[in-house]
Amino acid sequence: MDVRRLRMLLELSRLGSMHEVADALGTTTSSVSQGIAALARDVGSPLLEPDGRRVRLTPAGRRLADHAVTILAAVESARLDLDPTAEPAGVVRVAGFASAIRRSLLPAIDDLRTTHPGIEVRIHEYEPLESFDLLARDDVDLALVYDYDLAPAEWRDDHVVAPLWELEWGIGVPTRDRRLALADLADRDWIVNSRHTADEDALRTLASRAGFVPHVVHRIDSLELVDDLVVAGRGVALLPRGRASRRGVSVVRLRDPEVRLRAFAVTRRGRGGWPPLRAVTDRLVTG
């Protein structure tokens, strides 16, 4: 198999259109179409099928694209081994939650513009469960996710996980209630995340230790909207300490146990050797 054709197939699986692949690889749409057709003849199996006016990968095409990641990474590693001055270049797709994008990814992108200008990072905001699914489908190359120490994530067999940072969380309450203990909030309505289960799992663990079952009423993704509900007296919630919450919200420290959010960078096994992805993850971990 021609590695140039494999690269075309892999980029098509990532970008979704032959026109975008042609732009990314500096060639024509016709050349991409012909290259993938030749690759299909090489392997003896259809790699594309119609999808309205576009095309999509067949199951065989998706499997070959998965193999192409490892094959091309090995080829690139061999090339870099012979030419250590070679510059990594390519599109790295990242799915992550907002805090990690702000705190870790954006500074990394700023640095990479100087150190590796051939790397383009595309950002997609998702909660961890959504990011895991995108990673499994090879729709993204890197997932920035979180869990809580009281509700650890369940890693998949093909995950390669690198810790990034931790952040203490407390209970967000109206400021007038800032001296109440957790057990004093047993009869309150609670707010949890609408797109991830980890904070509800952590809350239920905390509440169980305090001797009550939380009455979960609201499911909200935006921390700013959580602040609004707390100020309005509509509920209380887990919130990060040290964040500039809305006036009227106090985040009460939890002790015995504390609650800590833990951020991670996750790739699929066998993918991390791809030089552009490795450059991004190395900067995240060391930054």
Protein backbone atom coordinates (compact mmCIF):
# COMPACT_ATOMS: atom_id res chain seq x y z
CA MET A 1 0.00 0.00 0.00
CA ASP A 2 1.19 3.49 -0.90
CA VAL A 3 1.58 5.54 2.29
CA ARG A 4 0.49 8.68 0.42
CA ARG A 5 -2.84 7.02 -0.32
CA LEU A 6 -3.13 5.89 3.28
CA ARG A 7 -2.63 9.49 4.37
CA MET A 8 -5.42 10.59 2.03
CA LEU A 9 -7.76 8.00 3.56
CA LEU A 10 -6.83 9.00 7.09
CA GLU A 11 -7.35 12.68 6.41
CA LEU A 12 -10.71 11.89 4.81
CA SER A 13 -11.77 10.03 7.96
CA ARG A 14 -10.79 13.11 9.99
CA LEU A 15 -11.96 15.96 7.80
CA GLY A 16 -15.00 14.42 6.10
CA SER A 17 -14.65 15.76 2.55
CA MET A 18 -12.26 15.24 -0.34
CA HIS A 19 -12.11 18.97 -0.91
CA GLU A 20 -10.82 19.56 2.64
CA VAL A 21 -8.34 16.69 2.24
CA ALA A 22 -7.05 18.23 -0.98
CA ASP A 23 -6.60 21.59 0.78
CA ALA A 24 -4.85 19.99 3.74
CA LEU A 25 -2.45 17.99 1.57
CA GLY A 26 -1.87 20.63 -1.07
CA THR A 27 -3.28 18.63 -3.98
CA THR A 28 -6.49 18.43 -6.02
CA THR A 29 -9.81 16.80 -5.20
CA SER A 30 -9.40 14.64 -8.30
CA SER A 31 -6.02 13.36 -7.09
CA VAL A 32 -7.52 12.48 -3.70
CA SER A 33 -10.40 10.60 -5.35
CA GLN A 34 -8.06 8.71 -7.66
CA GLY A 35 -5.65 7.91 -4.82
CA ILE A 36 -8.34 6.42 -2.59
CA ALA A 37 -9.80 4.48 -5.53
CA ALA A 38 -6.33 3.04 -6.20
CA LEU A 39 -5.99 2.17 -2.50
CA ALA A 40 -9.31 0.32 -2.65
CA ARG A 41 -7.98 -1.72 -5.57
CA ASP A 42 -4.78 -2.43 -3.60
CA VAL A 43 -6.69 -3.88 -0.65
CA GLY A 44 -9.46 -5.47 -2.72
CA SER A 45 -12.30 -3.89 -0.76
CA PRO A 46 -14.53 -0.80 -1.23
CA LEU A 47 -13.39 1.99 1.10
CA LEU A 48 -16.07 4.61 0.33
CA GLU A 49 -19.84 4.63 -0.05
CA PRO A 50 -22.33 7.35 -1.05
CA ASP A 51 -23.77 9.56 1.68
CA GLY A 52 -26.18 11.92 -0.06
CA ARG A 53 -24.03 14.19 -2.20
CA ARG A 54 -20.93 13.29 -0.22
CA VAL A 55 -19.12 10.05 0.56
CA ARG A 56 -18.28 8.31 3.81
CA LEU A 57 -15.94 5.49 4.77
CA THR A 58 -17.26 1.94 4.64
CA PRO A 59 -16.61 -0.28 7.69
CA ALA A 60 -13.55 -1.59 5.83
CA GLY A 61 -12.46 2.00 5.16
CA ARG A 62 -12.78 2.91 8.84
CA ARG A 63 -10.75 -0.13 9.89
CA LEU A 64 -8.04 0.71 7.37
CA ALA A 65 -8.02 4.33 8.57
CA ASP A 66 -7.46 3.03 12.12
CA HIS A 67 -4.49 0.99 10.88
CA ALA A 68 -3.27 4.00 8.89
CA VAL A 69 -2.78 6.01 12.09
CA THR A 70 -0.32 3.45 13.44
CA ILE A 71 1.34 2.83 10.07
CA LEU A 72 1.88 6.50 9.31
CA ALA A 73 3.07 7.20 12.85
CA ALA A 74 5.66 4.43 12.45
CA VAL A 75 6.74 5.83 9.07
CA GLU A 76 6.98 9.34 10.54
CA SER A 77 8.95 8.06 13.54
CA ALA A 78 11.38 6.32 11.20
CA ARG A 79 11.75 9.49 9.16
CA LEU A 80 12.38 11.57 12.27
CA ASP A 81 14.88 9.02 13.51
CA LEU A 82 16.88 9.58 10.33
CA ASP A 83 16.18 13.33 10.25
CA PRO A 84 15.80 14.63 13.81
CA THR A 85 15.56 18.21 12.52
CA ALA A 86 12.31 17.47 10.63
CA GLU A 87 9.39 19.64 11.69
CA PRO A 88 6.10 17.98 12.82
CA ALA A 89 3.11 19.25 10.86
CA GLY A 90 -0.57 18.37 10.62
CA VAL A 91 -4.06 18.93 12.00
CA VAL A 92 -4.64 17.81 15.61
CA ARG A 93 -8.31 17.60 16.66
CA VAL A 94 -8.95 18.11 20.37
CA ALA A 95 -12.19 17.57 22.30
CA GLY A 96 -12.25 18.92 25.81
CA PHE A 97 -14.13 20.64 28.61
CA ALA A 98 -14.03 24.42 28.83
CA SER A 99 -11.73 24.76 31.85
CA ALA A 100 -9.04 22.54 30.33
CA ILE A 101 -9.28 24.36 27.01
CA ARG A 102 -8.78 27.71 28.74
CA ARG A 103 -6.19 26.61 31.31
CA SER A 104 -4.11 24.12 29.32
CA LEU A 105 -4.85 24.02 25.61
CA LEU A 106 -4.92 27.72 24.68
CA PRO A 107 -1.49 28.42 26.27
CA ALA A 108 -0.14 25.31 24.52
CA ILE A 109 -1.44 26.54 21.16
CA ASP A 110 0.22 29.91 21.71
CA ASP A 111 3.56 28.19 22.36
CA LEU A 112 3.18 25.80 19.41
CA ARG A 113 2.66 28.70 17.01
CA THR A 114 6.26 29.62 17.74
CA THR A 115 7.87 26.22 18.22
CA HIS A 116 5.90 24.16 15.66
CA PRO A 117 4.06 26.48 13.26
CA GLY A 118 3.13 23.56 10.99
CA ILE A 119 0.73 22.17 13.61
CA GLU A 120 -2.91 23.28 13.45
CA VAL A 121 -5.10 22.56 16.48
CA ARG A 122 -8.87 22.35 16.04
CA ILE A 123 -10.90 22.71 19.23
CA HIS A 124 -14.25 21.10 20.05
CA GLU A 125 -15.90 21.70 23.43
CA TYR A 126 -17.40 18.53 24.90
CA GLU A 127 -17.94 16.91 28.28
CA PRO A 128 -15.87 13.77 29.04
CA LEU A 129 -18.41 11.10 28.07
CA GLU A 130 -18.92 12.83 24.73
CA SER A 131 -15.16 13.20 24.22
CA PHE A 132 -14.59 9.48 24.92
CA ASP A 133 -17.10 8.57 22.21
CA LEU A 134 -15.45 10.93 19.71
CA LEU A 135 -12.04 9.47 20.55
CA ALA A 136 -13.32 5.92 20.10
CA ARG A 137 -14.69 6.81 16.65
CA ASP A 138 -11.41 8.52 15.72
CA ASP A 139 -13.31 11.78 15.25
CA VAL A 140 -10.72 13.49 17.47
CA ASP A 141 -7.07 12.76 18.25
CA LEU A 142 -6.96 13.97 21.85
CA ALA A 143 -9.51 14.24 24.66
CA LEU A 144 -9.18 16.58 27.63
CA VAL A 145 -11.40 15.11 30.33
CA TYR A 146 -11.96 15.18 34.07
CA ASP A 147 -13.19 13.11 36.95
CA TYR A 148 -13.39 13.58 40.73
CA ASP A 149 -11.34 11.74 43.30
CA LEU A 150 -14.67 10.58 44.80
CA ALA A 151 -15.91 9.43 41.37
CA PRO A 152 -12.94 8.08 39.38
CA ALA A 153 -13.24 7.74 35.61
CA GLU A 154 -13.49 4.30 34.02
CA TRP A 155 -10.67 4.19 31.48
CA ARG A 156 -10.97 1.99 28.41
CA ASP A 157 -8.37 -0.60 27.47
CA ASP A 158 -7.06 1.49 24.57
CA HIS A 159 -6.78 4.75 26.56
CA VAL A 160 -3.39 6.30 27.27
CA VAL A 161 -3.94 8.72 30.16
CA ALA A 162 -1.69 11.60 31.27
CA PRO A 163 -2.60 13.62 34.42
CA LEU A 164 -2.65 17.40 33.94
CA TRP A 165 -3.80 19.20 37.11
CA GLU A 166 -6.20 19.11 40.05
CA LEU A 167 -8.66 21.65 41.44
CA GLU A 168 -10.46 21.74 44.77
CA TRP A 169 -14.27 21.93 44.67
CA GLY A 170 -16.75 22.93 47.36
CA ILE A 171 -20.47 23.54 47.77
CA GLY A 172 -21.86 26.67 46.15
CA VAL A 173 -24.51 28.23 48.40
CA PRO A 174 -26.10 31.66 48.79
CA THR A 175 -23.67 33.83 50.74
CA ARG A 176 -26.09 34.06 53.68
CA ASP A 177 -25.69 30.27 54.12
CA ARG A 178 -21.90 30.12 53.92
CA ARG A 179 -21.54 28.91 57.51
CA LEU A 180 -23.79 25.86 57.03
CA ALA A 181 -22.31 22.37 57.02
CA LEU A 182 -23.06 19.82 54.31
CA ALA A 183 -25.55 17.98 56.54
CA ASP A 184 -27.46 21.27 56.99
CA LEU A 185 -28.19 21.25 53.24
CA ALA A 186 -29.94 17.88 53.25
CA ASP A 187 -33.36 19.39 52.52
CA ARG A 188 -32.15 21.70 49.71
CA ASP A 189 -32.65 21.17 45.99
CA TRP A 190 -29.42 20.27 44.19
CA ILE A 191 -27.99 21.17 40.79
CA VAL A 192 -25.79 18.75 38.81
CA ASN A 193 -24.16 18.67 35.38
CA SER A 194 -26.49 17.94 32.47
CA ARG A 195 -23.86 16.29 30.24
CA HIS A 196 -21.64 14.30 32.62
CA THR A 197 -22.35 12.05 35.58
CA ALA A 198 -19.17 12.50 37.62
CA ASP A 199 -20.26 15.44 39.76
CA GLU A 200 -23.58 13.76 40.61
CA ASP A 201 -21.68 10.59 41.56
CA ALA A 202 -19.34 12.64 43.77
CA LEU A 203 -22.30 14.50 45.30
CA ARG A 204 -24.14 11.27 46.12
CA THR A 205 -20.99 9.89 47.77
CA LEU A 206 -20.62 13.04 49.86
CA ALA A 207 -24.29 13.07 50.82
CA SER A 208 -24.23 9.40 51.78
CA ARG A 209 -21.37 10.07 54.18
CA ALA A 210 -23.34 12.99 55.64
CA GLY A 211 -26.41 10.78 56.08
CA PHE A 212 -28.82 11.97 53.39
CA VAL A 213 -29.86 11.41 49.77
CA PRO A 214 -29.62 14.61 47.68
CA HIS A 215 -32.78 15.85 45.97
CA VAL A 216 -31.44 16.51 42.46
CA VAL A 217 -33.78 18.93 40.67
CA HIS A 218 -31.76 20.85 38.06
CA ARG A 219 -29.27 19.61 35.45
CA ILE A 220 -27.16 22.48 34.12
CA ASP A 221 -23.99 22.59 32.03
CA SER A 222 -23.01 26.27 32.44
CA LEU A 223 -21.35 27.22 35.73
CA GLU A 224 -22.56 30.80 35.25
CA LEU A 225 -26.16 29.54 35.07
CA VAL A 226 -25.54 27.43 38.20
CA ASP A 227 -24.46 30.65 39.95
CA ASP A 228 -27.71 32.33 38.86
CA LEU A 229 -29.81 29.48 40.25
CA VAL A 230 -27.91 29.51 43.56
CA VAL A 231 -28.41 33.27 43.97
CA ALA A 232 -32.11 32.85 43.13
CA GLY A 233 -32.42 30.25 45.86
CA ARG A 234 -33.26 27.47 43.40
CA GLY A 235 -30.61 25.05 44.62
CA VAL A 236 -27.04 24.42 45.71
CA ALA A 237 -24.28 22.66 43.80
CA LEU A 238 -20.68 21.53 43.62
CA LEU A 239 -18.57 24.43 42.33
CA PRO A 240 -14.82 25.03 41.95
CA ARG A 241 -13.05 26.96 44.71
CA GLY A 242 -10.97 29.92 43.61
CA ARG A 243 -13.23 30.69 40.66
CA ALA A 244 -14.79 34.15 40.46
CA SER A 245 -18.38 33.15 41.18
CA ARG A 246 -21.26 35.60 40.82
CA ARG A 247 -21.73 38.01 43.71
CA GLY A 248 -24.02 36.39 46.24
CA VAL A 249 -22.51 32.90 45.81
CA SER A 250 -20.07 31.46 48.35
CA VAL A 251 -18.22 28.19 47.76
CA VAL A 252 -17.93 26.39 51.10
CA ARG A 253 -14.83 24.29 51.62
CA LEU A 254 -15.42 20.58 52.17
CA ARG A 255 -13.31 18.64 54.63
CA ASP A 256 -13.14 14.97 55.47
CA PRO A 257 -13.36 14.37 52.62
CA GLU A 258 -12.30 17.11 50.27
CA VAL A 259 -13.47 16.92 46.67
CA ARG A 260 -10.92 17.38 43.92
CA LEU A 261 -11.52 17.59 40.19
CA ARG A 262 -8.71 15.92 38.22
CA ALA A 263 -7.94 16.83 34.60
CA PHE A 264 -6.36 14.40 32.11
CA ALA A 265 -5.14 14.28 28.51
CA VAL A 266 -6.28 11.03 26.84
CA THR A 267 -5.20 9.51 23.52
CA ARG A 268 -5.81 6.11 21.97
CA ARG A 269 -3.12 3.50 22.34
CA GLY A 270 -0.80 3.51 19.32
CA ARG A 271 -1.69 7.10 18.34
CA GLY A 272 0.63 9.03 20.61
CA GLY A 273 3.69 8.51 18.42
CA TRP A 274 2.27 10.72 15.67
CA PRO A 275 4.63 13.75 15.87
CA PRO A 276 2.03 16.58 15.78
CA LEU A 277 -0.07 14.87 18.47
CA ARG A 278 3.01 14.10 20.54
CA ALA A 279 4.09 17.75 20.37
CA VAL A 280 0.69 18.89 21.65
CA THR A 281 0.46 16.34 24.47
CA ASP A 282 4.07 16.94 25.55
CA ARG A 283 3.35 20.66 25.84
CA LEU A 284 0.16 20.02 27.83
CA VAL A 285 1.85 17.68 30.30
CA THR A 286 4.92 19.85 30.83
CA GLY A 287 3.01 23.14 30.79
